[in-house]
């Protein structure tokens, strides 16, 4: 069983923690803890190998550019038909040299 740590921000604590823990249960992860607001502590658990997966509600809640294996609940949620999109399409432009 893969260990995971849940990372949440205080201002979204209850809904995000519940969604992230449900996500972990659905994917068969063993939740070793919920870390609130301290991204460095979550990263330390990942770097030490205690929790190879960090689960967060959405990418906007984590420190960009410093990601181990981070899974986002927002990317796993089905969207309501006709509802607003939760994620944006990214366009990547390549130069002729590539």
N, C-alpha and C. Protein backbone atom coordinates (compact mmCIF):
# COMPACT_ATOMS: atom_id res chain seq x y z
N UNK A 1 0.85 -1.18 0.00
CA UNK A 1 0.00 0.00 0.00
C UNK A 1 0.90 1.24 0.00
N UNK A 2 0.56 2.22 -0.80
CA UNK A 2 1.33 3.45 -0.92
C UNK A 2 0.91 4.45 0.16
N UNK A 3 1.88 5.01 0.87
CA UNK A 3 1.60 6.04 1.85
C UNK A 3 1.41 7.38 1.15
N UNK A 4 0.52 8.18 1.70
CA UNK A 4 0.26 9.51 1.16
C UNK A 4 0.07 10.48 2.32
N UNK A 5 0.39 11.73 2.05
CA UNK A 5 0.12 12.80 3.00
C UNK A 5 -0.81 13.79 2.30
N UNK A 6 -1.77 14.31 3.03
CA UNK A 6 -2.73 15.27 2.50
C UNK A 6 -2.24 16.66 2.87
N UNK A 7 -2.18 17.56 1.89
CA UNK A 7 -1.80 18.95 2.13
C UNK A 7 -3.01 19.83 1.90
N UNK A 8 -3.34 20.66 2.90
CA UNK A 8 -4.48 21.57 2.79
C UNK A 8 -4.10 22.95 3.33
N UNK A 9 -4.83 23.95 2.86
CA UNK A 9 -4.70 25.30 3.40
C UNK A 9 -5.80 25.50 4.43
N UNK A 10 -5.49 26.23 5.48
CA UNK A 10 -6.45 26.44 6.56
C UNK A 10 -7.78 26.98 6.06
N UNK A 11 -7.72 27.92 5.13
CA UNK A 11 -8.97 28.54 4.67
C UNK A 11 -9.88 27.58 3.91
N UNK A 12 -9.35 26.43 3.50
CA UNK A 12 -10.14 25.41 2.79
C UNK A 12 -10.12 24.08 3.55
N UNK A 13 -9.82 24.12 4.82
CA UNK A 13 -9.53 22.91 5.59
C UNK A 13 -10.60 21.82 5.49
N UNK A 14 -11.80 22.11 5.88
CA UNK A 14 -12.82 21.05 5.96
C UNK A 14 -13.19 20.46 4.60
N UNK A 15 -13.54 21.27 3.61
CA UNK A 15 -13.92 20.63 2.34
C UNK A 15 -12.74 19.94 1.66
N UNK A 16 -11.57 20.58 1.67
CA UNK A 16 -10.41 19.99 0.98
C UNK A 16 -9.90 18.74 1.67
N UNK A 17 -9.83 18.75 3.00
CA UNK A 17 -9.36 17.56 3.71
C UNK A 17 -10.28 16.38 3.43
N UNK A 18 -11.57 16.60 3.47
CA UNK A 18 -12.54 15.53 3.21
C UNK A 18 -12.37 15.00 1.80
N UNK A 19 -12.25 15.89 0.82
CA UNK A 19 -12.11 15.45 -0.57
C UNK A 19 -10.80 14.70 -0.79
N UNK A 20 -9.73 15.20 -0.20
CA UNK A 20 -8.42 14.56 -0.37
C UNK A 20 -8.37 13.20 0.30
N UNK A 21 -8.94 13.08 1.48
CA UNK A 21 -8.96 11.78 2.17
C UNK A 21 -9.82 10.78 1.40
N UNK A 22 -10.95 11.24 0.87
CA UNK A 22 -11.79 10.36 0.05
C UNK A 22 -11.04 9.91 -1.20
N UNK A 23 -10.30 10.83 -1.81
CA UNK A 23 -9.48 10.52 -2.99
C UNK A 23 -8.46 9.43 -2.65
N UNK A 24 -7.81 9.59 -1.51
CA UNK A 24 -6.81 8.59 -1.07
C UNK A 24 -7.45 7.23 -0.87
N UNK A 25 -8.61 7.20 -0.25
CA UNK A 25 -9.30 5.93 -0.02
C UNK A 25 -9.68 5.29 -1.36
N UNK A 26 -10.16 6.09 -2.29
CA UNK A 26 -10.56 5.60 -3.61
C UNK A 26 -9.38 4.99 -4.36
N UNK A 27 -8.19 5.58 -4.19
CA UNK A 27 -7.00 5.12 -4.90
C UNK A 27 -6.15 4.13 -4.09
N UNK A 28 -6.63 3.74 -2.92
CA UNK A 28 -5.95 2.74 -2.11
C UNK A 28 -4.70 3.24 -1.39
N UNK A 29 -4.61 4.55 -1.14
CA UNK A 29 -3.47 5.11 -0.43
C UNK A 29 -3.70 5.04 1.07
N UNK A 30 -2.64 4.84 1.83
CA UNK A 30 -2.69 4.88 3.28
C UNK A 30 -2.30 6.29 3.71
N UNK A 31 -3.25 7.03 4.27
CA UNK A 31 -3.01 8.41 4.69
C UNK A 31 -2.24 8.41 6.01
N UNK A 32 -1.02 8.96 5.98
CA UNK A 32 -0.22 8.99 7.20
C UNK A 32 -0.40 10.30 7.96
N UNK A 33 -1.07 11.27 7.33
CA UNK A 33 -1.31 12.52 8.03
C UNK A 33 -1.88 13.59 7.13
N UNK A 34 -2.39 14.64 7.77
CA UNK A 34 -2.89 15.83 7.08
C UNK A 34 -2.00 16.98 7.54
N UNK A 35 -1.37 17.64 6.59
CA UNK A 35 -0.51 18.78 6.90
C UNK A 35 -1.22 20.05 6.46
N UNK A 36 -1.29 20.97 7.39
CA UNK A 36 -2.02 22.21 7.18
C UNK A 36 -1.03 23.36 7.01
N UNK A 37 -1.04 24.00 5.84
CA UNK A 37 -0.30 25.23 5.53
C UNK A 37 1.22 25.09 5.43
N UNK A 38 1.82 23.99 5.81
CA UNK A 38 3.28 23.87 5.84
C UNK A 38 3.77 22.99 4.69
N UNK A 39 3.95 23.60 3.51
CA UNK A 39 4.38 22.87 2.33
C UNK A 39 5.73 22.20 2.55
N UNK A 40 6.64 22.88 3.27
CA UNK A 40 7.97 22.31 3.52
C UNK A 40 7.88 21.00 4.30
N UNK A 41 6.96 20.93 5.24
CA UNK A 41 6.78 19.69 6.02
C UNK A 41 6.26 18.57 5.12
N UNK A 42 5.33 18.89 4.23
CA UNK A 42 4.82 17.88 3.29
C UNK A 42 5.94 17.40 2.37
N UNK A 43 6.75 18.34 1.88
CA UNK A 43 7.87 17.99 1.02
C UNK A 43 8.88 17.11 1.76
N UNK A 44 9.12 17.42 3.03
CA UNK A 44 10.09 16.65 3.82
C UNK A 44 9.66 15.19 3.92
N UNK A 45 8.36 14.94 4.12
CA UNK A 45 7.87 13.57 4.18
C UNK A 45 8.07 12.86 2.85
N UNK A 46 7.87 13.59 1.76
CA UNK A 46 8.07 12.99 0.43
C UNK A 46 9.54 12.70 0.17
N UNK A 47 10.40 13.64 0.50
CA UNK A 47 11.84 13.48 0.28
C UNK A 47 12.40 12.34 1.13
N UNK A 48 11.93 12.22 2.36
CA UNK A 48 12.38 11.15 3.25
C UNK A 48 11.83 9.78 2.86
N UNK A 49 10.86 9.77 1.94
CA UNK A 49 10.28 8.51 1.51
C UNK A 49 9.17 8.00 2.40
N UNK A 50 8.77 8.77 3.40
CA UNK A 50 7.70 8.34 4.30
C UNK A 50 6.33 8.41 3.62
N UNK A 51 6.19 9.37 2.71
CA UNK A 51 4.95 9.53 1.95
C UNK A 51 5.32 9.90 0.52
N UNK A 52 5.47 8.92 -0.35
CA UNK A 52 5.87 9.22 -1.72
C UNK A 52 4.83 9.99 -2.52
N UNK A 53 3.61 10.09 -1.99
CA UNK A 53 2.56 10.83 -2.69
C UNK A 53 2.03 11.94 -1.78
N UNK A 54 1.90 13.13 -2.34
CA UNK A 54 1.23 14.25 -1.65
C UNK A 54 -0.07 14.49 -2.40
N UNK A 55 -1.17 14.53 -1.68
CA UNK A 55 -2.48 14.78 -2.28
C UNK A 55 -2.94 16.16 -1.85
N UNK A 56 -3.28 16.99 -2.83
CA UNK A 56 -3.77 18.35 -2.57
C UNK A 56 -5.05 18.54 -3.37
N UNK A 57 -5.86 19.50 -2.95
CA UNK A 57 -7.14 19.72 -3.62
C UNK A 57 -6.97 20.29 -5.02
N UNK A 58 -6.03 21.22 -5.20
CA UNK A 58 -5.81 21.81 -6.52
C UNK A 58 -4.41 22.40 -6.61
N UNK A 59 -3.89 22.59 -7.81
CA UNK A 59 -2.52 23.08 -7.98
C UNK A 59 -2.25 24.46 -7.37
N UNK A 60 -3.26 25.28 -7.26
CA UNK A 60 -3.08 26.62 -6.71
C UNK A 60 -2.74 26.60 -5.22
N UNK A 61 -2.89 25.45 -4.57
CA UNK A 61 -2.65 25.36 -3.13
C UNK A 61 -1.24 24.92 -2.77
N UNK A 62 -0.40 24.62 -3.76
CA UNK A 62 0.96 24.17 -3.48
C UNK A 62 1.99 25.16 -3.97
N UNK A 63 3.21 24.98 -3.50
CA UNK A 63 4.34 25.84 -3.87
C UNK A 63 4.80 25.43 -5.28
N UNK A 64 4.62 26.30 -6.29
CA UNK A 64 4.97 25.92 -7.66
C UNK A 64 6.46 25.67 -7.83
N UNK A 65 6.77 24.74 -8.70
CA UNK A 65 8.15 24.44 -9.02
C UNK A 65 8.85 23.52 -8.03
N UNK A 66 8.17 23.09 -6.98
CA UNK A 66 8.80 22.24 -5.98
C UNK A 66 7.92 21.03 -5.73
N UNK A 67 7.65 20.28 -6.78
CA UNK A 67 6.71 19.17 -6.65
C UNK A 67 7.38 17.81 -6.77
N UNK A 68 7.20 16.96 -5.76
CA UNK A 68 7.53 15.55 -5.97
C UNK A 68 6.33 14.93 -6.70
N UNK A 69 5.86 13.79 -6.30
CA UNK A 69 4.65 13.21 -6.90
C UNK A 69 3.45 13.82 -6.19
N UNK A 70 2.84 14.80 -6.83
CA UNK A 70 1.67 15.47 -6.26
C UNK A 70 0.47 15.12 -7.11
N UNK A 71 -0.58 14.67 -6.47
CA UNK A 71 -1.82 14.36 -7.17
C UNK A 71 -2.88 15.34 -6.70
N UNK A 72 -3.64 15.87 -7.66
CA UNK A 72 -4.65 16.89 -7.36
C UNK A 72 -6.04 16.31 -7.49
N UNK A 73 -6.82 16.46 -6.46
CA UNK A 73 -8.20 15.97 -6.45
C UNK A 73 -9.00 16.67 -7.54
N UNK A 74 -8.74 17.95 -7.80
CA UNK A 74 -9.49 18.69 -8.81
C UNK A 74 -9.33 18.08 -10.19
N UNK A 75 -8.23 17.38 -10.46
CA UNK A 75 -8.03 16.75 -11.76
C UNK A 75 -8.76 15.42 -11.86
N UNK A 76 -9.25 14.90 -10.76
CA UNK A 76 -9.93 13.61 -10.73
C UNK A 76 -11.44 13.76 -10.63
N UNK A 77 -11.92 14.97 -10.33
CA UNK A 77 -13.36 15.20 -10.16
C UNK A 77 -14.06 15.28 -11.51
N UNK A 78 -15.17 14.59 -11.67
CA UNK A 78 -15.94 14.75 -12.91
C UNK A 78 -16.62 16.12 -12.91
N UNK A 79 -16.64 16.77 -14.06
CA UNK A 79 -17.28 18.09 -14.18
C UNK A 79 -18.75 17.91 -14.49
N UNK A 80 -19.56 18.80 -13.96
CA UNK A 80 -20.99 18.78 -14.24
C UNK A 80 -21.20 19.22 -15.69
N UNK A 81 -22.13 18.58 -16.37
CA UNK A 81 -22.40 18.93 -17.76
C UNK A 81 -22.86 20.38 -17.84
N UNK A 82 -22.23 21.14 -18.69
CA UNK A 82 -22.60 22.54 -18.87
C UNK A 82 -22.05 23.45 -17.80
N UNK A 83 -21.38 22.91 -16.78
CA UNK A 83 -20.84 23.73 -15.70
C UNK A 83 -19.51 24.34 -16.08
N UNK A 84 -18.99 25.22 -15.25
CA UNK A 84 -17.70 25.85 -15.56
C UNK A 84 -16.57 24.84 -15.48
N UNK A 85 -15.59 25.04 -16.30
CA UNK A 85 -14.42 24.16 -16.30
C UNK A 85 -13.56 24.46 -15.09
N UNK A 86 -12.99 23.42 -14.50
CA UNK A 86 -12.13 23.60 -13.34
C UNK A 86 -10.66 23.68 -13.72
N UNK A 87 -10.33 23.33 -14.95
CA UNK A 87 -8.94 23.40 -15.36
C UNK A 87 -8.87 24.01 -16.75
N UNK A 88 -7.72 24.58 -17.07
CA UNK A 88 -7.56 25.26 -18.34
C UNK A 88 -6.70 24.42 -19.28
N UNK A 89 -6.93 24.62 -20.56
CA UNK A 89 -6.10 23.98 -21.55
C UNK A 89 -4.82 24.78 -21.68
N UNK A 90 -3.70 24.10 -21.70
CA UNK A 90 -2.41 24.76 -21.82
C UNK A 90 -1.90 24.60 -23.25
N UNK A 91 -1.50 25.69 -23.86
CA UNK A 91 -0.95 25.67 -25.20
C UNK A 91 0.56 25.78 -25.09
N UNK A 92 1.24 24.84 -25.71
CA UNK A 92 2.70 24.86 -25.71
C UNK A 92 3.17 25.17 -27.11
N UNK A 93 3.95 26.23 -27.22
CA UNK A 93 4.50 26.60 -28.52
C UNK A 93 5.95 26.18 -28.58
N UNK A 94 6.33 25.60 -29.68
CA UNK A 94 7.72 25.17 -29.86
C UNK A 94 8.39 26.05 -30.90
N UNK A 95 9.66 26.23 -30.73
CA UNK A 95 10.41 26.98 -31.70
C UNK A 95 10.82 26.05 -32.84
N UNK A 96 11.26 26.60 -33.94
CA UNK A 96 11.64 25.79 -35.08
C UNK A 96 12.83 24.90 -34.77
N UNK A 97 13.68 25.32 -33.81
CA UNK A 97 14.86 24.55 -33.46
C UNK A 97 14.49 23.23 -32.80
N UNK A 98 13.32 23.15 -32.20
CA UNK A 98 12.91 21.93 -31.52
C UNK A 98 12.29 21.02 -32.54
